[in-house]
Amino acid sequence: MPPEGAGPPWSGPAASPEHLLGRKGAARIALIPPEVLEALNAGQVATVNLNEFLAIDLGRLACNVARQVGLDPGAERLQDTLGMLAAFPPMKRHLHVARAFYDLTEPRADRDAVAQALASHPSDVARSWAAQWLAFSSLPLADKLRSVFRFAADPHFGVREMAWMAVRDEIAGDVDAALRLLQPWATHPDANIRRFASEATRPRGVWCAQIDALKAEPWRGLALLQPLRADASRYVQNSVANWLNDAAKSQPAWVRDVCAQWSRGRLAPETAYIVRRAQRSLRGEAEAS
């Protein structure tokens, strides 16, 4: 039973339909089987591609997840949010739902238990909302990074993207501290954690605030990138190459120098891939001139 005054009973999502877990995602939203869509909206299964993510009825999923983690799906705070979702771009809608969940738990003694239920939910979308809670908290950067670790290591790509975006503002606000704190992440056995260290500190990034300090002085991040220059994971390699490609837009000479240094001696195939991809914008400029 939930603590006194906590809200509706905790139901948890229904068991995941086993036959849906290994499915391949539909090539178009219109081709998603009704059974899959129903399971997604019920919070029983994770999405497997962008089409499924975009096809979700966010209002239905939010109400189902709220009930499953012990919140009132009919709460005015949540219903007001769901009523205005159409006014926002798709990605922003998730931020508003996450904020509504966060606000609903603020006065509750069992807030940590609700957060844990959300963070371990079978729906990747629900876990993404839990990751976004970190963006609303006043924790210092070191504590936020400790809290975001589980989401950075999540098996679902969508949750991992929300993880680094949730702490991006704090990283941009204290670059040197962030680089120092993330240094051990760059040598972690889990490729998802190593990739987080690179992706979260990209000078420009995608769908996020730019880090002006690293656009102007990307060499401040070199110690973080060095352990990743021959990483065995293509997931990590792409992130490192994108990091350098970002930097090349403001400090092209430095990126050329780093790539030249990394290419000296016996060149590992992983490094060769990184330096080639890292200089794609530079090659494009050269070809256009």
Protein backbone atom coordinates (compact mmCIF):
# COMPACT_ATOMS: atom_id res chain seq x y z
CA MET A 1 0.00 0.00 0.00
CA PRO A 2 1.19 3.57 -0.65
CA PRO A 3 1.85 5.87 2.31
CA GLU A 4 -1.14 7.61 3.88
CA GLY A 5 -2.49 10.37 1.65
CA ALA A 6 -0.32 9.28 -1.28
CA GLY A 7 -3.09 8.90 -3.84
CA PRO A 8 -4.51 5.94 -5.74
CA PRO A 9 -3.19 2.43 -5.17
CA TRP A 10 -0.05 1.42 -7.03
CA SER A 11 -1.10 -0.92 -9.81
CA GLY A 12 2.02 -1.18 -11.94
CA PRO A 13 1.72 -1.82 -15.68
CA ALA A 14 0.23 -5.08 -16.84
CA ALA A 15 2.75 -7.73 -17.81
CA SER A 16 4.49 -7.04 -21.10
CA PRO A 17 3.13 -9.19 -23.95
CA GLU A 18 6.13 -11.44 -24.57
CA HIS A 19 5.40 -11.92 -28.26
CA LEU A 20 5.70 -8.16 -28.85
CA LEU A 21 9.09 -7.65 -27.22
CA GLY A 22 11.26 -8.81 -30.11
CA ARG A 23 9.25 -7.14 -32.87
CA LYS A 24 10.60 -5.05 -35.70
CA GLY A 25 9.14 -1.58 -35.90
CA ALA A 26 6.74 -0.70 -38.69
CA ALA A 27 8.12 1.34 -41.59
CA ARG A 28 5.19 3.76 -41.37
CA ILE A 29 2.89 4.84 -38.55
CA ALA A 30 -0.12 3.56 -40.50
CA LEU A 31 1.41 0.08 -40.52
CA ILE A 32 1.76 -0.25 -36.73
CA PRO A 33 -0.49 -3.17 -35.66
CA PRO A 34 -3.36 -2.14 -33.36
CA GLU A 35 -2.14 -4.60 -30.72
CA VAL A 36 1.27 -2.91 -30.62
CA LEU A 37 -0.26 0.56 -30.41
CA GLU A 38 -2.52 -0.55 -27.59
CA ALA A 39 0.43 -1.99 -25.66
CA LEU A 40 2.44 1.20 -26.19
CA ASN A 41 -0.40 3.39 -24.92
CA ALA A 42 -0.91 1.06 -21.96
CA GLY A 43 2.75 1.44 -21.00
CA GLN A 44 3.37 -2.28 -21.39
CA VAL A 45 6.17 -2.15 -23.96
CA ALA A 46 8.92 0.18 -25.11
CA THR A 47 9.00 1.76 -28.55
CA VAL A 48 11.37 0.21 -31.08
CA ASN A 49 11.59 3.08 -33.58
CA LEU A 50 10.64 6.70 -34.15
CA ASN A 51 7.36 5.80 -35.84
CA GLU A 52 6.12 4.07 -32.71
CA PHE A 53 7.27 6.98 -30.57
CA LEU A 54 5.35 9.45 -32.74
CA ALA A 55 2.25 7.24 -32.87
CA ILE A 56 1.75 7.13 -29.11
CA ASP A 57 -1.38 8.78 -27.74
CA LEU A 58 0.46 10.84 -25.15
CA GLY A 59 -2.63 11.62 -23.12
CA ARG A 60 -3.58 7.97 -22.77
CA LEU A 61 -0.06 6.89 -21.93
CA ALA A 62 0.37 9.66 -19.35
CA CYS A 63 -2.85 8.71 -17.58
CA ASN A 64 -2.00 5.01 -17.61
CA VAL A 65 1.52 5.60 -16.31
CA ALA A 66 0.25 8.00 -13.63
CA ARG A 67 -2.12 5.33 -12.34
CA GLN A 68 0.59 2.67 -12.45
CA VAL A 69 3.10 4.69 -10.39
CA GLY A 70 0.54 5.80 -7.80
CA LEU A 71 -0.49 9.22 -9.08
CA ASP A 72 -4.01 10.41 -9.79
CA PRO A 73 -4.55 10.45 -13.58
CA GLY A 74 -7.47 12.83 -13.06
CA ALA A 75 -5.40 15.38 -11.11
CA GLU A 76 -6.03 18.93 -12.30
CA ARG A 77 -2.30 19.60 -12.77
CA LEU A 78 -1.94 16.69 -15.17
CA GLN A 79 -5.22 17.22 -17.00
CA ASP A 80 -4.44 20.92 -17.58
CA THR A 81 -1.10 19.90 -19.09
CA LEU A 82 -2.65 17.27 -21.34
CA GLY A 83 -5.24 19.78 -22.50
CA MET A 84 -2.62 22.18 -23.83
CA LEU A 85 -0.18 19.68 -25.38
CA ALA A 86 -1.31 20.37 -28.95
CA ALA A 87 0.11 23.89 -28.66
CA PHE A 88 3.66 22.56 -28.31
CA PRO A 89 6.09 20.78 -30.65
CA PRO A 90 6.16 17.00 -30.12
CA MET A 91 9.37 16.85 -28.05
CA LYS A 92 8.30 19.74 -25.82
CA ARG A 93 5.10 17.90 -25.02
CA HIS A 94 7.08 15.24 -23.19
CA LEU A 95 8.88 17.87 -21.15
CA HIS A 96 5.54 19.30 -20.02
CA VAL A 97 4.20 15.87 -19.06
CA ALA A 98 7.38 15.15 -17.11
CA ARG A 99 7.00 18.49 -15.32
CA ALA A 100 3.39 17.72 -14.41
CA PHE A 101 4.43 14.37 -12.90
CA TYR A 102 7.25 16.11 -11.03
CA ASP A 103 4.91 18.75 -9.61
CA LEU A 104 2.33 16.17 -8.57
CA THR A 105 4.89 14.38 -6.40
CA GLU A 106 6.41 17.48 -4.81
CA PRO A 107 4.22 17.52 -1.67
CA ARG A 108 4.29 13.74 -1.19
CA ALA A 109 6.26 11.80 1.37
CA ASP A 110 6.65 8.88 -1.06
CA ARG A 111 8.17 10.98 -3.84
CA ASP A 112 11.30 8.85 -4.08
CA ALA A 113 9.21 5.71 -4.47
CA VAL A 114 7.20 7.31 -7.28
CA ALA A 115 10.43 8.38 -8.96
CA GLN A 116 11.79 4.85 -8.69
CA ALA A 117 8.60 3.39 -10.17
CA LEU A 118 8.80 5.83 -13.07
CA ALA A 119 12.53 5.23 -13.62
CA SER A 120 12.06 1.45 -13.78
CA HIS A 121 8.86 1.49 -15.87
CA PRO A 122 8.72 -0.83 -18.93
CA SER A 123 7.79 2.12 -21.15
CA ASP A 124 10.86 3.94 -22.45
CA VAL A 125 8.75 7.10 -22.63
CA ALA A 126 7.96 6.88 -18.92
CA ARG A 127 11.64 6.34 -18.10
CA SER A 128 12.46 9.37 -20.23
CA TRP A 129 10.08 11.44 -18.12
CA ALA A 130 11.95 10.25 -15.04
CA ALA A 131 15.25 11.32 -16.61
CA GLN A 132 13.79 14.74 -17.35
CA TRP A 133 13.00 15.23 -13.67
CA LEU A 134 16.70 15.95 -13.19
CA ALA A 135 16.34 19.08 -15.31
CA PHE A 136 13.80 20.42 -12.80
CA SER A 137 15.75 19.64 -9.63
CA SER A 138 18.14 21.99 -7.83
CA LEU A 139 20.79 19.32 -7.23
CA PRO A 140 24.41 20.35 -7.84
CA LEU A 141 26.07 19.00 -10.98
CA ALA A 142 27.93 16.16 -9.25
CA ASP A 143 24.69 14.85 -7.74
CA LYS A 144 22.81 15.23 -11.01
CA LEU A 145 25.44 13.19 -12.80
CA ARG A 146 25.20 10.46 -10.18
CA SER A 147 21.43 10.43 -10.60
CA VAL A 148 21.52 10.45 -14.40
CA PHE A 149 23.92 7.50 -14.59
CA ARG A 150 21.16 4.87 -14.65
CA PHE A 151 19.48 6.64 -17.56
CA ALA A 152 22.77 7.05 -19.43
CA ALA A 153 23.14 3.25 -19.22
CA ASP A 154 19.51 2.52 -20.15
CA PRO A 155 19.06 -0.16 -22.83
CA HIS A 156 16.78 2.15 -24.83
CA PHE A 157 18.31 4.77 -27.12
CA GLY A 158 15.52 7.27 -26.44
CA VAL A 159 16.10 7.26 -22.68
CA ARG A 160 19.83 7.71 -23.22
CA GLU A 161 19.20 10.81 -25.34
CA MET A 162 16.95 12.31 -22.67
CA ALA A 163 19.63 11.55 -20.08
CA TRP A 164 22.31 13.84 -21.48
CA MET A 165 19.81 16.53 -22.42
CA ALA A 166 18.57 16.58 -18.80
CA VAL A 167 21.97 17.79 -17.54
CA ARG A 168 23.11 19.77 -20.57
CA ASP A 169 22.42 23.20 -19.04
CA GLU A 170 24.46 22.39 -15.93
CA ILE A 171 27.33 21.09 -18.06
CA ALA A 172 27.28 24.27 -20.15
CA GLY A 173 27.23 26.36 -16.98
CA ASP A 174 30.32 24.74 -15.42
CA VAL A 175 32.31 23.21 -18.26
CA ASP A 176 35.56 22.48 -16.46
CA ALA A 177 33.83 20.84 -13.49
CA ALA A 178 31.70 18.76 -15.86
CA LEU A 179 34.71 17.60 -17.86
CA ARG A 180 36.49 16.63 -14.65
CA LEU A 181 33.49 14.73 -13.29
CA LEU A 182 32.92 12.92 -16.59
CA GLN A 183 36.55 11.85 -17.03
CA PRO A 184 35.99 8.44 -15.36
CA TRP A 185 32.93 7.93 -17.57
CA ALA A 186 35.16 8.04 -20.65
CA THR A 187 36.90 4.83 -19.56
CA HIS A 188 33.85 3.01 -18.20
CA PRO A 189 33.29 -0.59 -19.41
CA ASP A 190 29.78 0.29 -20.63
CA ALA A 191 29.86 1.88 -24.10
CA ASN A 192 26.64 3.75 -23.31
CA ILE A 193 28.36 5.52 -20.42
CA ARG A 194 31.42 6.34 -22.53
CA ARG A 195 29.18 7.71 -25.24
CA PHE A 196 27.34 9.87 -22.69
CA ALA A 197 30.62 11.55 -21.70
CA SER A 198 31.22 12.58 -25.28
CA GLU A 199 27.66 13.36 -26.34
CA ALA A 200 26.78 15.44 -23.28
CA THR A 201 29.75 17.75 -23.85
CA ARG A 202 29.52 18.27 -27.61
CA PRO A 203 30.18 21.95 -28.40
CA ARG A 204 27.05 22.23 -30.52
CA GLY A 205 24.99 19.08 -30.23
CA VAL A 206 21.50 18.47 -31.54
CA TRP A 207 18.23 19.89 -30.17
CA CYS A 208 20.04 21.48 -27.25
CA ALA A 209 21.85 24.58 -26.02
CA GLN A 210 25.30 25.10 -27.47
CA ILE A 211 28.32 25.20 -25.18
CA ASP A 212 29.99 28.48 -26.09
CA ALA A 213 33.08 27.78 -23.99
CA LEU A 214 33.82 24.60 -25.97
CA LYS A 215 33.00 26.21 -29.29
CA ALA A 216 35.63 28.85 -28.53
CA GLU A 217 38.14 26.56 -26.77
CA PRO A 218 37.44 22.94 -27.71
CA TRP A 219 40.89 21.90 -26.48
CA ARG A 220 39.51 22.06 -22.95
CA GLY A 221 37.69 18.81 -23.76
CA LEU A 222 40.65 16.97 -25.26
CA ALA A 223 41.48 15.00 -22.10
CA LEU A 224 37.94 13.60 -22.17
CA LEU A 225 38.20 12.63 -25.84
CA GLN A 226 41.67 11.08 -25.78
CA PRO A 227 40.62 7.78 -24.15
CA LEU A 228 37.89 7.45 -26.79
CA ARG A 229 40.02 7.99 -29.90
CA ALA A 230 40.18 4.24 -30.68
CA ASP A 231 37.01 3.11 -28.93
CA ALA A 232 35.73 -0.28 -30.08
CA SER A 233 32.09 0.85 -30.12
CA ARG A 234 30.76 2.48 -33.31
CA TYR A 235 28.18 4.22 -31.10
CA VAL A 236 31.03 5.94 -29.25
CA GLN A 237 33.08 6.53 -32.39
CA ASN A 238 30.23 8.44 -34.03
CA SER A 239 29.81 10.64 -30.98
CA VAL A 240 33.52 11.49 -30.79
CA ALA A 241 33.61 12.26 -34.51
CA ASN A 242 30.53 14.46 -34.13
CA TRP A 243 32.17 16.23 -31.18
CA LEU A 244 35.18 17.11 -33.32
CA ASN A 245 32.99 18.02 -36.29
CA ASP A 246 31.15 20.46 -34.03
CA ALA A 247 34.47 21.98 -32.96
CA ALA A 248 35.65 22.23 -36.57
CA LYS A 249 32.97 24.81 -37.29
CA SER A 250 34.65 27.32 -34.97
CA GLN A 251 38.22 25.97 -34.54
CA PRO A 252 39.06 24.12 -37.78
CA ALA A 253 42.84 24.33 -37.36
CA TRP A 254 42.68 22.69 -33.96
CA VAL A 255 40.55 19.81 -35.25
CA ARG A 256 42.95 19.23 -38.14
CA ASP A 257 45.83 19.16 -35.68
CA VAL A 258 44.09 16.67 -33.36
CA CYS A 259 43.22 14.41 -36.27
CA ALA A 260 46.81 14.58 -37.52
CA GLN A 261 48.14 13.66 -34.07
CA TRP A 262 45.73 10.75 -33.73
CA SER A 263 46.71 9.50 -37.18
CA ARG A 264 50.43 9.24 -36.48
CA GLY A 265 52.09 5.84 -36.25
CA ARG A 266 50.09 2.68 -36.63
CA LEU A 267 46.55 3.85 -37.24
CA ALA A 268 43.80 1.77 -35.64
CA PRO A 269 40.74 1.27 -37.88
CA GLU A 270 38.56 2.80 -35.16
CA THR A 271 40.67 5.97 -35.09
CA ALA A 272 40.76 6.13 -38.88
CA TYR A 273 36.95 6.09 -38.92
CA ILE A 274 36.76 8.84 -36.28
CA VAL A 275 39.22 11.23 -37.94
CA ARG A 276 37.62 10.73 -41.36
CA ARG A 277 34.14 11.43 -40.06
CA ALA A 278 35.34 14.26 -37.81
CA GLN A 279 36.63 16.21 -40.81
CA ARG A 280 33.58 15.85 -43.06
CA SER A 281 32.59 19.52 -42.68
CA LEU A 282 36.16 20.59 -43.37
CA ARG A 283 36.25 18.47 -46.52
CA GLY A 284 32.93 19.94 -47.64
CA GLU A 285 34.24 23.48 -47.22
CA ALA A 286 37.42 22.62 -49.11
CA GLU A 287 35.48 21.10 -51.99
CA ALA A 288 33.13 24.09 -52.15
CA SER A 289 35.94 26.66 -52.26
